[in-house]
């Protein structure tokens, strides 16, 4: 069994609690579905948000909307770099898996697709 990291990100249109919760839940749910994960295989998640988002932690969506309550999660503020993408939520999810790195689907939704144009797909 391998321990691998899955990256993902999404953006919101405003600093709104419900939108942050909805988009965070959608991001995690998409990572789980696209990577055919069993929730039991998730080791932990680390979230970052840009400093313009401060209404709720993304991990609240995982616990309250997706009902994933036994996975350790941390929330951080993303370092601001001049010209960087704003209103962005990022995650690094660590998982136990039989997959190889090349089999992992990193998920970038909404405007975050611009962060990794080398790996994003239009169908998501």
PDB file of N, CA and C in Angstrom:
ATOM      1  N   UNK A   1       0.850  -1.181   0.000  1.00  0.00           N
ATOM      2  CA  UNK A   1       0.000   0.000   0.000  1.00  0.00           C
ATOM      3  C   UNK A   1       0.893   1.240   0.000  1.00  0.00           C
ATOM      4  N   UNK A   2       0.501   2.229  -0.786  1.00  0.00           N
ATOM      5  CA  UNK A   2       1.221   3.501  -0.879  1.00  0.00           C
ATOM      6  C   UNK A   2       0.487   4.582  -0.102  1.00  0.00           C
ATOM      7  N   UNK A   3       1.237   5.542   0.383  1.00  0.00           N
ATOM      8  CA  UNK A   3       0.664   6.774   0.910  1.00  0.00           C
ATOM      9  C   UNK A   3       0.942   7.842  -0.146  1.00  0.00           C
ATOM     10  N   UNK A   4      -0.132   8.407  -0.694  1.00  0.00           N
ATOM     11  CA  UNK A   4       0.001   9.420  -1.733  1.00  0.00           C
ATOM     12  C   UNK A   4      -0.769  10.671  -1.355  1.00  0.00           C
ATOM     13  N   UNK A   5      -0.377  11.774  -1.948  1.00  0.00           N
ATOM     14  CA  UNK A   5      -1.066  13.045  -1.744  1.00  0.00           C
ATOM     15  C   UNK A   5      -1.846  13.392  -3.002  1.00  0.00           C
ATOM     16  N   UNK A   6      -3.052  13.893  -2.791  1.00  0.00           N
ATOM     17  CA  UNK A   6      -3.890  14.362  -3.888  1.00  0.00           C
ATOM     18  C   UNK A   6      -4.110  15.855  -3.675  1.00  0.00           C
ATOM     19  N   UNK A   7      -3.835  16.632  -4.702  1.00  0.00           N
ATOM     20  CA  UNK A   7      -4.023  18.076  -4.630  1.00  0.00           C
ATOM     21  C   UNK A   7      -5.339  18.449  -5.281  1.00  0.00           C
ATOM     22  N   UNK A   8      -5.889  19.550  -4.801  1.00  0.00           N
ATOM     23  CA  UNK A   8      -7.100  20.084  -5.393  1.00  0.00           C
ATOM     24  C   UNK A   8      -7.284  21.530  -5.006  1.00  0.00           C
ATOM     25  N   UNK A   9      -8.110  22.212  -5.781  1.00  0.00           N
ATOM     26  CA  UNK A   9      -8.415  23.609  -5.475  1.00  0.00           C
ATOM     27  C   UNK A   9      -9.722  23.991  -6.148  1.00  0.00           C
ATOM     28  N   UNK A  10     -10.316  25.040  -5.623  1.00  0.00           N
ATOM     29  CA  UNK A  10     -11.509  25.618  -6.211  1.00  0.00           C
ATOM     30  C   UNK A  10     -11.526  27.098  -5.870  1.00  0.00           C
ATOM     31  N   UNK A  11     -12.431  27.809  -6.472  1.00  0.00           N
ATOM     32  CA  UNK A  11     -12.599  29.222  -6.155  1.00  0.00           C
ATOM     33  C   UNK A  11     -14.063  29.502  -5.864  1.00  0.00           C
ATOM     34  N   UNK A  12     -14.284  30.605  -5.174  1.00  0.00           N
ATOM     35  CA  UNK A  12     -15.640  31.099  -4.912  1.00  0.00           C
ATOM     36  C   UNK A  12     -15.736  32.495  -5.506  1.00  0.00           C
ATOM     37  N   UNK A  13     -16.960  32.993  -5.626  1.00  0.00           N
ATOM     38  CA  UNK A  13     -17.153  34.324  -6.201  1.00  0.00           C
ATOM     39  C   UNK A  13     -17.252  35.416  -5.154  1.00  0.00           C
ATOM     40  N   UNK A  14     -17.478  35.007  -3.884  1.00  0.00           N
ATOM     41  CA  UNK A  14     -17.562  36.001  -2.815  1.00  0.00           C
ATOM     42  C   UNK A  14     -17.192  35.359  -1.482  1.00  0.00           C
ATOM     43  N   UNK A  15     -16.900  36.187  -0.516  1.00  0.00           N
ATOM     44  CA  UNK A  15     -16.569  35.728   0.832  1.00  0.00           C
ATOM     45  C   UNK A  15     -17.878  35.445   1.573  1.00  0.00           C
ATOM     46  N   UNK A  16     -18.511  34.358   1.181  1.00  0.00           N
ATOM     47  CA  UNK A  16     -19.827  33.985   1.683  1.00  0.00           C
ATOM     48  C   UNK A  16     -19.738  32.601   2.312  1.00  0.00           C
ATOM     49  N   UNK A  17     -20.197  32.471   3.556  1.00  0.00           N
ATOM     50  CA  UNK A  17     -20.079  31.207   4.284  1.00  0.00           C
ATOM     51  C   UNK A  17     -20.663  30.036   3.511  1.00  0.00           C
ATOM     52  N   UNK A  18     -21.873  30.163   3.009  1.00  0.00           N
ATOM     53  CA  UNK A  18     -22.519  29.034   2.330  1.00  0.00           C
ATOM     54  C   UNK A  18     -21.799  28.660   1.043  1.00  0.00           C
ATOM     55  N   UNK A  19     -21.331  29.652   0.310  1.00  0.00           N
ATOM     56  CA  UNK A  19     -20.603  29.346  -0.925  1.00  0.00           C
ATOM     57  C   UNK A  19     -19.277  28.653  -0.622  1.00  0.00           C
ATOM     58  N   UNK A  20     -18.582  29.093   0.414  1.00  0.00           N
ATOM     59  CA  UNK A  20     -17.335  28.433   0.808  1.00  0.00           C
ATOM     60  C   UNK A  20     -17.607  26.981   1.210  1.00  0.00           C
ATOM     61  N   UNK A  21     -18.659  26.759   1.994  1.00  0.00           N
ATOM     62  CA  UNK A  21     -19.018  25.397   2.390  1.00  0.00           C
ATOM     63  C   UNK A  21     -19.376  24.541   1.181  1.00  0.00           C
ATOM     64  N   UNK A  22     -20.218  25.069   0.304  1.00  0.00           N
ATOM     65  CA  UNK A  22     -20.669  24.302  -0.867  1.00  0.00           C
ATOM     66  C   UNK A  22     -19.510  23.944  -1.791  1.00  0.00           C
ATOM     67  N   UNK A  23     -18.654  24.914  -2.073  1.00  0.00           N
ATOM     68  CA  UNK A  23     -17.538  24.653  -2.993  1.00  0.00           C
ATOM     69  C   UNK A  23     -16.492  23.741  -2.364  1.00  0.00           C
ATOM     70  N   UNK A  24     -16.276  23.867  -1.060  1.00  0.00           N
ATOM     71  CA  UNK A  24     -15.342  22.966  -0.373  1.00  0.00           C
ATOM     72  C   UNK A  24     -15.854  21.535  -0.413  1.00  0.00           C
ATOM     73  N   UNK A  25     -17.133  21.353  -0.144  1.00  0.00           N
ATOM     74  CA  UNK A  25     -17.731  20.013  -0.192  1.00  0.00           C
ATOM     75  C   UNK A  25     -17.662  19.442  -1.605  1.00  0.00           C
ATOM     76  N   UNK A  26     -17.972  20.259  -2.591  1.00  0.00           N
ATOM     77  CA  UNK A  26     -17.913  19.808  -3.986  1.00  0.00           C
ATOM     78  C   UNK A  26     -16.501  19.376  -4.356  1.00  0.00           C
ATOM     79  N   UNK A  27     -15.500  20.140  -3.934  1.00  0.00           N
ATOM     80  CA  UNK A  27     -14.111  19.800  -4.221  1.00  0.00           C
ATOM     81  C   UNK A  27     -13.742  18.445  -3.640  1.00  0.00           C
ATOM     82  N   UNK A  28     -14.024  18.246  -2.357  1.00  0.00           N
ATOM     83  CA  UNK A  28     -13.657  16.986  -1.709  1.00  0.00           C
ATOM     84  C   UNK A  28     -14.447  15.817  -2.301  1.00  0.00           C
ATOM     85  N   UNK A  29     -15.720  16.023  -2.537  1.00  0.00           N
ATOM     86  CA  UNK A  29     -16.539  14.964  -3.135  1.00  0.00           C
ATOM     87  C   UNK A  29     -16.016  14.590  -4.527  1.00  0.00           C
ATOM     88  N   UNK A  30     -15.611  15.575  -5.302  1.00  0.00           N
ATOM     89  CA  UNK A  30     -15.075  15.308  -6.635  1.00  0.00           C
ATOM     90  C   UNK A  30     -13.763  14.547  -6.560  1.00  0.00           C
ATOM     91  N   UNK A  31     -12.892  14.915  -5.628  1.00  0.00           N
ATOM     92  CA  UNK A  31     -11.634  14.181  -5.448  1.00  0.00           C
ATOM     93  C   UNK A  31     -11.924  12.726  -5.109  1.00  0.00           C
ATOM     94  N   UNK A  32     -12.856  12.493  -4.198  1.00  0.00           N
ATOM     95  CA  UNK A  32     -13.201  11.125  -3.795  1.00  0.00           C
ATOM     96  C   UNK A  32     -13.743  10.329  -4.980  1.00  0.00           C
ATOM     97  N   UNK A  33     -14.661  10.904  -5.719  1.00  0.00           N
ATOM     98  CA  UNK A  33     -15.281  10.204  -6.855  1.00  0.00           C
ATOM     99  C   UNK A  33     -14.277   9.953  -7.970  1.00  0.00           C
ATOM    100  N   UNK A  34     -13.555  10.990  -8.361  1.00  0.00           N
ATOM    101  CA  UNK A  34     -12.629  10.868  -9.502  1.00  0.00           C
ATOM    102  C   UNK A  34     -11.457   9.930  -9.217  1.00  0.00           C
ATOM    103  N   UNK A  35     -11.126   9.755  -7.943  1.00  0.00           N
ATOM    104  CA  UNK A  35     -10.024   8.864  -7.578  1.00  0.00           C
ATOM    105  C   UNK A  35     -10.509   7.525  -7.023  1.00  0.00           C
ATOM    106  N   UNK A  36     -11.826   7.308  -7.080  1.00  0.00           N
ATOM    107  CA  UNK A  36     -12.419   6.055  -6.605  1.00  0.00           C
ATOM    108  C   UNK A  36     -11.944   5.715  -5.187  1.00  0.00           C
ATOM    109  N   UNK A  37     -12.000   6.723  -4.316  1.00  0.00           N
ATOM    110  CA  UNK A  37     -11.514   6.541  -2.949  1.00  0.00           C
ATOM    111  C   UNK A  37     -12.592   5.987  -2.039  1.00  0.00           C
ATOM    112  N   UNK A  38     -12.167   5.187  -1.103  1.00  0.00           N
ATOM    113  CA  UNK A  38     -12.984   4.799   0.031  1.00  0.00           C
ATOM    114  C   UNK A  38     -12.626   5.785   1.141  1.00  0.00           C
ATOM    115  N   UNK A  39     -13.604   6.373   1.770  1.00  0.00           N
ATOM    116  CA  UNK A  39     -13.340   7.364   2.824  1.00  0.00           C
ATOM    117  C   UNK A  39     -12.410   6.794   3.893  1.00  0.00           C
ATOM    118  N   UNK A  40     -12.481   5.503   4.140  1.00  0.00           N
ATOM    119  CA  UNK A  40     -11.607   4.856   5.132  1.00  0.00           C
ATOM    120  C   UNK A  40     -10.127   4.963   4.765  1.00  0.00           C
ATOM    121  N   UNK A  41      -9.831   5.199   3.491  1.00  0.00           N
ATOM    122  CA  UNK A  41      -8.444   5.291   3.048  1.00  0.00           C
ATOM    123  C   UNK A  41      -7.866   6.707   3.162  1.00  0.00           C
ATOM    124  N   UNK A  42      -8.694   7.677   3.530  1.00  0.00           N
ATOM    125  CA  UNK A  42      -8.209   9.047   3.681  1.00  0.00           C
ATOM    126  C   UNK A  42      -7.490   9.169   5.020  1.00  0.00           C
ATOM    127  N   UNK A  43      -6.231   9.582   4.979  1.00  0.00           N
ATOM    128  CA  UNK A  43      -5.422   9.721   6.185  1.00  0.00           C
ATOM    129  C   UNK A  43      -5.669  11.078   6.830  1.00  0.00           C
ATOM    130  N   UNK A  44      -5.557  12.147   6.037  1.00  0.00           N
ATOM    131  CA  UNK A  44      -5.738  13.497   6.554  1.00  0.00           C
ATOM    132  C   UNK A  44      -5.913  14.473   5.405  1.00  0.00           C
ATOM    133  N   UNK A  45      -6.326  15.715   5.754  1.00  0.00           N
ATOM    134  CA  UNK A  45      -6.478  16.783   4.770  1.00  0.00           C
ATOM    135  C   UNK A  45      -5.929  18.074   5.356  1.00  0.00           C
ATOM    136  N   UNK A  46      -5.206  18.807   4.528  1.00  0.00           N
ATOM    137  CA  UNK A  46      -4.737  20.143   4.881  1.00  0.00           C
ATOM    138  C   UNK A  46      -5.324  21.130   3.883  1.00  0.00           C
ATOM    139  N   UNK A  47      -6.037  22.114   4.401  1.00  0.00           N
ATOM    140  CA  UNK A  47      -6.658  23.138   3.571  1.00  0.00           C
ATOM    141  C   UNK A  47      -5.914  24.455   3.717  1.00  0.00           C
ATOM    142  N   UNK A  48      -5.901  25.232   2.642  1.00  0.00           N
ATOM    143  CA  UNK A  48      -5.522  26.633   2.732  1.00  0.00           C
ATOM    144  C   UNK A  48      -6.600  27.449   2.033  1.00  0.00           C
ATOM    145  N   UNK A  49      -6.739  28.690   2.486  1.00  0.00           N
ATOM    146  CA  UNK A  49      -7.617  29.648   1.816  1.00  0.00           C
ATOM    147  C   UNK A  49      -6.862  30.956   1.699  1.00  0.00           C
ATOM    148  N   UNK A  50      -7.170  31.698   0.649  1.00  0.00           N
ATOM    149  CA  UNK A  50      -6.570  33.014   0.512  1.00  0.00           C
ATOM    150  C   UNK A  50      -7.131  33.932   1.588  1.00  0.00           C
ATOM    151  N   UNK A  51      -6.403  34.982   1.897  1.00  0.00           N
ATOM    152  CA  UNK A  51      -6.747  35.846   3.028  1.00  0.00           C
ATOM    153  C   UNK A  51      -8.060  36.607   2.852  1.00  0.00           C
ATOM    154  N   UNK A  52      -8.598  36.630   1.639  1.00  0.00           N
ATOM    155  CA  UNK A  52      -9.875  37.310   1.405  1.00  0.00           C
ATOM    156  C   UNK A  52     -11.076  36.439   1.764  1.00  0.00           C
ATOM    157  N   UNK A  53     -10.826  35.219   2.239  1.00  0.00           N
ATOM    158  CA  UNK A  53     -11.900  34.316   2.672  1.00  0.00           C
ATOM    159  C   UNK A  53     -11.757  34.073   4.170  1.00  0.00           C
ATOM    160  N   UNK A  54     -12.763  34.488   4.939  1.00  0.00           N
ATOM    161  CA  UNK A  54     -12.655  34.358   6.392  1.00  0.00           C
ATOM    162  C   UNK A  54     -13.987  34.067   7.086  1.00  0.00           C
ATOM    163  N   UNK A  55     -14.954  33.519   6.354  1.00  0.00           N
ATOM    164  CA  UNK A  55     -16.274  33.291   6.952  1.00  0.00           C
ATOM    165  C   UNK A  55     -16.434  31.908   7.586  1.00  0.00           C
ATOM    166  N   UNK A  56     -15.656  30.917   7.121  1.00  0.00           N
ATOM    167  CA  UNK A  56     -15.786  29.553   7.642  1.00  0.00           C
ATOM    168  C   UNK A  56     -14.589  28.735   7.172  1.00  0.00           C
ATOM    169  N   UNK A  57     -14.221  27.729   7.955  1.00  0.00           N
ATOM    170  CA  UNK A  57     -13.155  26.821   7.559  1.00  0.00           C
ATOM    171  C   UNK A  57     -13.675  25.794   6.553  1.00  0.00           C
ATOM    172  N   UNK A  58     -12.879  25.421   5.543  1.00  0.00           N
ATOM    173  CA  UNK A  58     -13.304  24.376   4.608  1.00  0.00           C
ATOM    174  C   UNK A  58     -13.570  23.032   5.290  1.00  0.00           C
ATOM    175  N   UNK A  59     -12.852  22.729   6.348  1.00  0.00           N
ATOM    176  CA  UNK A  59     -13.049  21.444   7.028  1.00  0.00           C
ATOM    177  C   UNK A  59     -14.453  21.310   7.614  1.00  0.00           C
ATOM    178  N   UNK A  60     -15.116  22.420   7.887  1.00  0.00           N
ATOM    179  CA  UNK A  60     -16.496  22.366   8.378  1.00  0.00           C
ATOM    180  C   UNK A  60     -17.394  21.703   7.335  1.00  0.00           C
ATOM    181  N   UNK A  61     -17.165  21.990   6.072  1.00  0.00           N
ATOM    182  CA  UNK A  61     -17.956  21.370   5.002  1.00  0.00           C
ATOM    183  C   UNK A  61     -17.752  19.866   4.965  1.00  0.00           C
ATOM    184  N   UNK A  62     -16.522  19.437   5.176  1.00  0.00           N
ATOM    185  CA  UNK A  62     -16.231  17.996   5.153  1.00  0.00           C
ATOM    186  C   UNK A  62     -16.973  17.285   6.279  1.00  0.00           C
ATOM    187  N   UNK A  63     -16.960  17.897   7.453  1.00  0.00           N
ATOM    188  CA  UNK A  63     -17.631  17.282   8.595  1.00  0.00           C
ATOM    189  C   UNK A  63     -19.155  17.392   8.503  1.00  0.00           C
ATOM    190  N   UNK A  64     -19.655  18.587   8.209  1.00  0.00           N
ATOM    191  CA  UNK A  64     -21.100  18.823   8.291  1.00  0.00           C
ATOM    192  C   UNK A  64     -21.875  18.450   7.036  1.00  0.00           C
ATOM    193  N   UNK A  65     -21.312  18.638   5.860  1.00  0.00           N
ATOM    194  CA  UNK A  65     -22.033  18.332   4.622  1.00  0.00           C
ATOM    195  C   UNK A  65     -21.738  16.912   4.157  1.00  0.00           C
ATOM    196  N   UNK A  66     -20.466  16.522   4.171  1.00  0.00           N
ATOM    197  CA  UNK A  66     -20.090  15.189   3.690  1.00  0.00           C
ATOM    198  C   UNK A  66     -20.091  14.140   4.798  1.00  0.00           C
ATOM    199  N   UNK A  67     -20.236  14.580   6.043  1.00  0.00           N
ATOM    200  CA  UNK A  67     -20.290  13.680   7.197  1.00  0.00           C
ATOM    201  C   UNK A  67     -19.034  12.816   7.332  1.00  0.00           C
ATOM    202  N   UNK A  68     -17.901  13.407   7.033  1.00  0.00           N
ATOM    203  CA  UNK A  68     -16.610  12.745   7.242  1.00  0.00           C
ATOM    204  C   UNK A  68     -16.023  13.366   8.509  1.00  0.00           C
ATOM    205  N   UNK A  69     -16.141  12.640   9.610  1.00  0.00           N
ATOM    206  CA  UNK A  69     -15.813  13.221  10.911  1.00  0.00           C
ATOM    207  C   UNK A  69     -14.583  12.619  11.577  1.00  0.00           C
ATOM    208  N   UNK A  70     -14.050  11.541  11.035  1.00  0.00           N
ATOM    209  CA  UNK A  70     -12.934  10.870  11.701  1.00  0.00           C
ATOM    210  C   UNK A  70     -11.610  11.019  10.955  1.00  0.00           C
ATOM    211  N   UNK A  71     -11.526  12.025  10.085  1.00  0.00           N
ATOM    212  CA  UNK A  71     -10.295  12.309   9.354  1.00  0.00           C
ATOM    213  C   UNK A  71      -9.679  13.588   9.933  1.00  0.00           C
ATOM    214  N   UNK A  72      -8.420  13.545  10.356  1.00  0.00           N
ATOM    215  CA  UNK A  72      -7.781  14.762  10.857  1.00  0.00           C
ATOM    216  C   UNK A  72      -7.659  15.812   9.750  1.00  0.00           C
ATOM    217  N   UNK A  73      -7.984  17.063  10.089  1.00  0.00           N
ATOM    218  CA  UNK A  73      -7.936  18.152   9.118  1.00  0.00           C
ATOM    219  C   UNK A  73      -7.335  19.392   9.764  1.00  0.00           C
ATOM    220  N   UNK A  74      -6.608  20.147   8.962  1.00  0.00           N
ATOM    221  CA  UNK A  74      -6.059  21.430   9.382  1.00  0.00           C
ATOM    222  C   UNK A  74      -6.433  22.486   8.356  1.00  0.00           C
ATOM    223  N   UNK A  75      -6.580  23.723   8.820  1.00  0.00           N
ATOM    224  CA  UNK A  75      -6.896  24.853   7.952  1.00  0.00           C
ATOM    225  C   UNK A  75      -5.830  25.924   8.144  1.00  0.00           C
ATOM    226  N   UNK A  76      -5.324  26.456   7.031  1.00  0.00           N
ATOM    227  CA  UNK A  76      -4.286  27.478   7.065  1.00  0.00           C
ATOM    228  C   UNK A  76      -4.649  28.616   6.120  1.00  0.00           C
ATOM    229  N   UNK A  77      -3.999  29.759   6.320  1.00  0.00           N
ATOM    230  CA  UNK A  77      -4.113  30.846   5.361  1.00  0.00           C
ATOM    231  C   UNK A  77      -3.006  30.691   4.323  1.00  0.00           C
ATOM    232  N   UNK A  78      -3.373  30.801   3.061  1.00  0.00           N
ATOM    233  CA  UNK A  78      -2.425  30.693   1.948  1.00  0.00           C
ATOM    234  C   UNK A  78      -1.530  31.927   1.917  1.00  0.00           C
ATOM    235  N   UNK A  79      -0.259  31.736   1.743  1.00  0.00           N
ATOM    236  CA  UNK A  79       0.682  32.850   1.602  1.00  0.00           C
ATOM    237  C   UNK A  79       0.289  33.678   0.393  1.00  0.00           C
ATOM    238  N   UNK A  80       0.192  34.985   0.579  1.00  0.00           N
ATOM    239  CA  UNK A  80      -0.139  35.868  -0.541  1.00  0.00           C
ATOM    240  C   UNK A  80       1.110  36.162  -1.362  1.00  0.00           C
ATOM    241  N   UNK A  81       0.987  35.957  -2.639  1.00  0.00           N
ATOM    242  CA  UNK A  81       2.023  36.309  -3.602  1.00  0.00           C
ATOM    243  C   UNK A  81       1.399  37.293  -4.575  1.00  0.00           C
ATOM    244  N   UNK A  82       2.054  38.382  -4.829  1.00  0.00           N
ATOM    245  CA  UNK A  82       1.523  39.406  -5.716  1.00  0.00           C
ATOM    246  C   UNK A  82       1.066  38.790  -7.037  1.00  0.00           C
ATOM    247  N   UNK A  83      -0.174  39.104  -7.411  1.00  0.00           N
ATOM    248  CA  UNK A  83      -0.733  38.602  -8.657  1.00  0.00           C
ATOM    249  C   UNK A  83      -1.317  37.200  -8.577  1.00  0.00           C
ATOM    250  N   UNK A  84      -1.306  36.605  -7.384  1.00  0.00           N
ATOM    251  CA  UNK A  84      -1.812  35.227  -7.260  1.00  0.00           C
ATOM    252  C   UNK A  84      -3.339  35.193  -7.291  1.00  0.00           C
ATOM    253  N   UNK A  85      -3.866  34.018  -7.539  1.00  0.00           N
ATOM    254  CA  UNK A  85      -5.305  33.802  -7.614  1.00  0.00           C
ATOM    255  C   UNK A  85      -5.957  34.097  -6.262  1.00  0.00           C
ATOM    256  N   UNK A  86      -7.009  34.870  -6.263  1.00  0.00           N
ATOM    257  CA  UNK A  86      -7.730  35.240  -5.050  1.00  0.00           C
ATOM    258  C   UNK A  86      -8.976  34.367  -4.899  1.00  0.00           C
ATOM    259  N   UNK A  87      -9.604  34.426  -3.723  1.00  0.00           N
ATOM    260  CA  UNK A  87     -10.821  33.677  -3.402  1.00  0.00           C
ATOM    261  C   UNK A  87     -10.657  32.188  -3.716  1.00  0.00           C
ATOM    262  N   UNK A  88      -9.542  31.662  -3.295  1.00  0.00           N
ATOM    263  CA  UNK A  88      -9.174  30.288  -3.641  1.00  0.00           C
ATOM    264  C   UNK A  88      -9.061  29.411  -2.388  1.00  0.00           C
ATOM    265  N   UNK A  89      -9.588  28.216  -2.512  1.00  0.00           N
ATOM    266  CA  UNK A  89      -9.520  27.182  -1.470  1.00  0.00           C
ATOM    267  C   UNK A  89      -8.689  26.035  -2.041  1.00  0.00           C
ATOM    268  N   UNK A  90      -7.658  25.635  -1.315  1.00  0.00           N
ATOM    269  CA  UNK A  90      -6.800  24.543  -1.779  1.00  0.00           C
ATOM    270  C   UNK A  90      -6.811  23.424  -0.734  1.00  0.00           C
ATOM    271  N   UNK A  91      -6.546  22.213  -1.204  1.00  0.00           N
ATOM    272  CA  UNK A  91      -6.464  21.073  -0.293  1.00  0.00           C
ATOM    273  C   UNK A  91      -5.324  20.156  -0.722  1.00  0.00           C
ATOM    274  N   UNK A  92      -4.707  19.529   0.258  1.00  0.00           N
ATOM    275  CA  UNK A  92      -3.825  18.397   0.026  1.00  0.00           C
ATOM    276  C   UNK A  92      -4.367  17.267   0.887  1.00  0.00           C
ATOM    277  N   UNK A  93      -4.800  16.217   0.224  1.00  0.00           N
ATOM    278  CA  UNK A  93      -5.395  15.059   0.890  1.00  0.00           C
ATOM    279  C   UNK A  93      -4.391  13.902   0.830  1.00  0.00           C
ATOM    280  N   UNK A  94      -4.100  13.320   1.976  1.00  0.00           N
ATOM    281  CA  UNK A  94      -3.208  12.167   2.044  1.00  0.00           C
ATOM    282  C   UNK A  94      -4.053  10.902   2.129  1.00  0.00           C
ATOM    283  N   UNK A  95      -3.708   9.909   1.291  1.00  0.00           N
ATOM    284  CA  UNK A  95      -4.514   8.693   1.230  1.00  0.00           C
ATOM    285  C   UNK A  95      -3.634   7.446   1.205  1.00  0.00           C
ATOM    286  N   UNK A  96      -4.194   6.356   1.728  1.00  0.00           N
ATOM    287  CA  UNK A  96      -3.632   5.026   1.534  1.00  0.00           C
ATOM    288  C   UNK A  96      -4.237   4.481   0.254  1.00  0.00           C
ATOM    289  N   UNK A  97      -3.400   3.957  -0.626  1.00  0.00           N
ATOM    290  CA  UNK A  97      -3.924   3.477  -1.902  1.00  0.00           C
ATOM    291  C   UNK A  97      -2.990   2.450  -2.525  1.00  0.00           C
ATOM    292  N   UNK A  98      -3.554   1.632  -3.371  1.00  0.00           N
ATOM    293  CA  UNK A  98      -2.763   0.703  -4.182  1.00  0.00           C
ATOM    294  C   UNK A  98      -2.338   1.352  -5.491  1.00  0.00           C
ATOM    295  N   UNK A  99      -2.830   2.551  -5.750  1.00  0.00           N
ATOM    296  CA  UNK A  99      -2.534   3.258  -7.002  1.00  0.00           C
ATOM    297  C   UNK A  99      -1.104   3.780  -7.010  1.00  0.00           C
ATOM    298  N   UNK A 100      -0.635   4.073  -8.211  1.00  0.00           N
ATOM    299  CA  UNK A 100       0.638   4.747  -8.408  1.00  0.00           C
ATOM    300  C   UNK A 100       0.383   6.241  -8.554  1.00  0.00           C
ATOM    301  N   UNK A 101       1.426   7.045  -8.410  1.00  0.00           N
ATOM    302  CA  UNK A 101       1.278   8.496  -8.559  1.00  0.00           C
ATOM    303  C   UNK A 101       0.624   8.860  -9.891  1.00  0.00           C
ATOM    304  N   UNK A 102       0.988   8.159 -10.931  1.00  0.00           N
ATOM    305  CA  UNK A 102       0.469   8.480 -12.266  1.00  0.00           C
ATOM    306  C   UNK A 102      -1.034   8.202 -12.396  1.00  0.00           C
ATOM    307  N   UNK A 103      -1.601   7.434 -11.475  1.00  0.00           N
ATOM    308  CA  UNK A 103      -3.038   7.119 -11.518  1.00  0.00           C
ATOM    309  C   UNK A 103      -3.891   8.157 -10.793  1.00  0.00           C
ATOM    310  N   UNK A 104      -3.268   9.025 -10.032  1.00  0.00           N
ATOM    311  CA  UNK A 104      -3.997   9.995  -9.208  1.00  0.00           C
ATOM    312  C   UNK A 104      -4.521  11.136 -10.079  1.00  0.00           C
ATOM    313  N   UNK A 105      -5.775  11.526  -9.818  1.00  0.00           N
ATOM    314  CA  UNK A 105      -6.381  12.677 -10.497  1.00  0.00           C
ATOM    315  C   UNK A 105      -6.428  13.839  -9.520  1.00  0.00           C
ATOM    316  N   UNK A 106      -5.622  14.852  -9.774  1.00  0.00           N
ATOM    317  CA  UNK A 106      -5.655  16.083  -8.999  1.00  0.00           C
ATOM    318  C   UNK A 106      -6.784  16.932  -9.572  1.00  0.00           C
ATOM    319  N   UNK A 107      -7.577  17.543  -8.703  1.00  0.00           N
ATOM    320  CA  UNK A 107      -8.824  18.188  -9.126  1.00  0.00           C
ATOM    321  C   UNK A 107      -8.746  19.707  -8.926  1.00  0.00           C
ATOM    322  N   UNK A 108      -8.978  20.429 -10.004  1.00  0.00           N
ATOM    323  CA  UNK A 108      -8.998  21.887  -9.976  1.00  0.00           C
ATOM    324  C   UNK A 108     -10.302  22.357 -10.604  1.00  0.00           C
ATOM    325  N   UNK A 109     -11.128  23.014  -9.789  1.00  0.00           N
ATOM    326  CA  UNK A 109     -12.450  23.449 -10.224  1.00  0.00           C
ATOM    327  C   UNK A 109     -12.510  24.975 -10.359  1.00  0.00           C
ATOM    328  N   UNK A 110     -13.491  25.433 -11.108  1.00  0.00           N
ATOM    329  CA  UNK A 110     -13.740  26.867 -11.288  1.00  0.00           C
ATOM    330  C   UNK A 110     -12.473  27.567 -11.790  1.00  0.00           C
ATOM    331  N   UNK A 111     -12.181  28.755 -11.282  1.00  0.00           N
ATOM    332  CA  UNK A 111     -11.013  29.509 -11.756  1.00  0.00           C
ATOM    333  C   UNK A 111      -9.681  28.908 -11.332  1.00  0.00           C
ATOM    334  N   UNK A 112      -9.710  27.943 -10.415  1.00  0.00           N
ATOM    335  CA  UNK A 112      -8.446  27.335  -9.992  1.00  0.00           C
ATOM    336  C   UNK A 112      -7.843  26.469 -11.091  1.00  0.00           C
ATOM    337  N   UNK A 113      -8.604  26.172 -12.136  1.00  0.00           N
ATOM    338  CA  UNK A 113      -8.051  25.422 -13.266  1.00  0.00           C
ATOM    339  C   UNK A 113      -6.826  26.133 -13.833  1.00  0.00           C
ATOM    340  N   UNK A 114      -6.770  27.448 -13.675  1.00  0.00           N
ATOM    341  CA  UNK A 114      -5.637  28.228 -14.175  1.00  0.00           C
ATOM    342  C   UNK A 114      -4.352  27.964 -13.390  1.00  0.00           C
ATOM    343  N   UNK A 115      -4.476  27.384 -12.194  1.00  0.00           N
ATOM    344  CA  UNK A 115      -3.289  27.096 -11.388  1.00  0.00           C
ATOM    345  C   UNK A 115      -2.447  25.979 -11.988  1.00  0.00           C
ATOM    346  N   UNK A 116      -3.105  24.995 -12.568  1.00  0.00           N
ATOM    347  CA  UNK A 116      -2.410  23.816 -13.107  1.00  0.00           C
ATOM    348  C   UNK A 116      -2.988  23.435 -14.465  1.00  0.00           C
ATOM    349  N   UNK A 117      -2.777  24.288 -15.456  1.00  0.00           N
ATOM    350  CA  UNK A 117      -3.299  24.004 -16.793  1.00  0.00           C
ATOM    351  C   UNK A 117      -2.661  22.757 -17.398  1.00  0.00           C
ATOM    352  N   UNK A 118      -1.539  22.324 -16.843  1.00  0.00           N
ATOM    353  CA  UNK A 118      -0.872  21.127 -17.347  1.00  0.00           C
ATOM    354  C   UNK A 118      -1.611  19.851 -16.974  1.00  0.00           C
ATOM    355  N   UNK A 119      -2.483  19.896 -15.959  1.00  0.00           N
ATOM    356  CA  UNK A 119      -3.163  18.664 -15.545  1.00  0.00           C
ATOM    357  C   UNK A 119      -4.675  18.777 -15.468  1.00  0.00           C
ATOM    358  N   UNK A 120      -5.243  19.945 -15.704  1.00  0.00           N
ATOM    359  CA  UNK A 120      -6.691  20.089 -15.590  1.00  0.00           C
ATOM    360  C   UNK A 120      -7.366  19.627 -16.871  1.00  0.00           C
ATOM    361  N   UNK A 121      -8.604  19.178 -16.684  1.00  0.00           N
ATOM    362  CA  UNK A 121      -9.403  18.696 -17.807  1.00  0.00           C
ATOM    363  C   UNK A 121     -10.667  19.523 -17.892  1.00  0.00           C
ATOM    364  N   UNK A 122     -11.124  19.758 -19.099  1.00  0.00           N
ATOM    365  CA  UNK A 122     -12.308  20.607 -19.311  1.00  0.00           C
ATOM    366  C   UNK A 122     -13.598  19.983 -18.812  1.00  0.00           C
ATOM    367  N   UNK A 123     -13.655  18.658 -18.686  1.00  0.00           N
ATOM    368  CA  UNK A 123     -14.935  18.046 -18.313  1.00  0.00           C
ATOM    369  C   UNK A 123     -15.299  18.242 -16.863  1.00  0.00           C
ATOM    370  N   UNK A 124     -14.388  18.648 -15.998  1.00  0.00           N
ATOM    371  CA  UNK A 124     -14.721  18.850 -14.584  1.00  0.00           C
ATOM    372  C   UNK A 124     -15.258  20.217 -14.339  1.00  0.00           C
TER     373      UNK A 124
END
